[in-house]
């Protein structure tokens, strides 16, 4: 694939995650949702919605890692020239 979105990786608030999940499912885009608390610890309070159909493009994970460092390493490793980071007021700030 030379153009377009290959995958969506997000770590935003619970309410915004549902919107991105719906978008990913509708557009058939793989979506990795990293559930994090502002302190960097895993968060488990987000409710997960499962689509009624078998096509679910979102994977919810709760990794115990410092996310900002991982994102920067991935960007550097793949030498990405363009990328977009979606965030809200509490989560995902670099």
Protein backbone atom coordinates (compact mmCIF):
# COMPACT_ATOMS: atom_id res chain seq x y z
CA UNK A 1 0.00 0.00 0.00
CA UNK A 2 1.59 3.26 -1.11
CA UNK A 3 -1.07 5.67 0.10
CA UNK A 4 -3.73 5.86 2.75
CA UNK A 5 -3.96 4.71 6.33
CA UNK A 6 -2.33 1.38 7.19
CA UNK A 7 -3.45 1.33 10.82
CA UNK A 8 -4.69 3.58 13.59
CA UNK A 9 -2.98 3.60 16.99
CA UNK A 10 -4.64 5.62 19.73
CA UNK A 11 -4.43 6.25 23.44
CA UNK A 12 -7.19 8.76 24.07
CA UNK A 13 -10.04 9.02 26.54
CA UNK A 14 -12.75 6.40 26.81
CA UNK A 15 -15.45 8.51 25.15
CA UNK A 16 -13.31 9.32 22.10
CA UNK A 17 -12.19 5.70 21.76
CA UNK A 18 -15.71 4.60 20.84
CA UNK A 19 -15.82 7.06 17.95
CA UNK A 20 -12.47 5.87 16.63
CA UNK A 21 -13.58 2.26 17.01
CA UNK A 22 -16.67 2.96 14.89
CA UNK A 23 -14.58 4.74 12.27
CA UNK A 24 -12.04 1.90 12.11
CA UNK A 25 -14.79 -0.70 11.75
CA UNK A 26 -16.60 1.27 9.03
CA UNK A 27 -13.41 1.94 7.05
CA UNK A 28 -11.90 -1.53 7.68
CA UNK A 29 -8.79 0.02 9.25
CA UNK A 30 -6.92 -1.92 11.95
CA UNK A 31 -7.10 0.04 15.22
CA UNK A 32 -4.86 -0.56 18.22
CA UNK A 33 -6.34 1.19 21.27
CA UNK A 34 -3.86 1.48 24.13
CA UNK A 35 -5.75 2.04 27.37
CA UNK A 36 -3.64 4.21 29.66
CA UNK A 37 -4.19 6.29 32.77
CA UNK A 38 -2.54 9.75 32.95
CA UNK A 39 0.06 8.33 35.36
CA UNK A 40 1.20 5.81 32.72
CA UNK A 41 -0.36 2.83 34.46
CA UNK A 42 -2.84 0.55 32.64
CA UNK A 43 -6.44 1.71 32.76
CA UNK A 44 -9.35 -0.71 32.96
CA UNK A 45 -12.40 1.53 33.40
CA UNK A 46 -13.19 1.91 29.68
CA UNK A 47 -16.16 -0.07 28.53
CA UNK A 48 -15.52 -2.10 25.39
CA UNK A 49 -18.22 -2.17 22.74
CA UNK A 50 -18.32 -5.20 20.51
CA UNK A 51 -19.93 -4.87 17.09
CA UNK A 52 -22.83 -7.16 16.29
CA UNK A 53 -21.12 -8.30 13.12
CA UNK A 54 -17.99 -10.43 13.06
CA UNK A 55 -15.82 -7.62 11.62
CA UNK A 56 -14.10 -6.02 14.60
CA UNK A 57 -11.05 -3.97 13.62
CA UNK A 58 -10.15 -2.70 17.11
CA UNK A 59 -7.77 -4.39 19.52
CA UNK A 60 -7.81 -3.07 23.10
CA UNK A 61 -4.56 -3.45 25.06
CA UNK A 62 -3.32 -2.31 28.48
CA UNK A 63 0.49 -2.45 28.30
CA UNK A 64 2.63 -1.48 31.32
CA UNK A 65 5.11 0.63 29.32
CA UNK A 66 5.92 4.29 29.01
CA UNK A 67 3.99 4.96 25.80
CA UNK A 68 5.69 8.19 24.68
CA UNK A 69 9.09 6.52 24.44
CA UNK A 70 7.65 3.62 22.44
CA UNK A 71 5.94 5.96 19.96
CA UNK A 72 9.15 7.92 19.40
CA UNK A 73 11.15 4.72 18.85
CA UNK A 74 8.63 3.41 16.30
CA UNK A 75 8.67 6.71 14.39
CA UNK A 76 12.48 6.73 14.33
CA UNK A 77 12.79 3.02 13.44
CA UNK A 78 10.45 3.28 10.45
CA UNK A 79 11.78 6.75 9.50
CA UNK A 80 8.24 8.02 9.12
CA UNK A 81 8.10 11.45 7.51
CA UNK A 82 4.40 11.97 8.29
CA UNK A 83 2.23 10.77 11.13
CA UNK A 84 -0.74 12.01 13.12
CA UNK A 85 -1.24 11.66 16.85
CA UNK A 86 -4.81 12.10 18.13
CA UNK A 87 -5.09 13.07 21.77
CA UNK A 88 -7.48 14.70 24.18
CA UNK A 89 -6.76 16.82 27.24
CA UNK A 90 -5.58 13.98 29.48
CA UNK A 91 -4.05 11.22 27.36
CA UNK A 92 -1.34 10.84 24.79
CA UNK A 93 0.50 14.13 25.16
CA UNK A 94 4.12 13.94 24.04
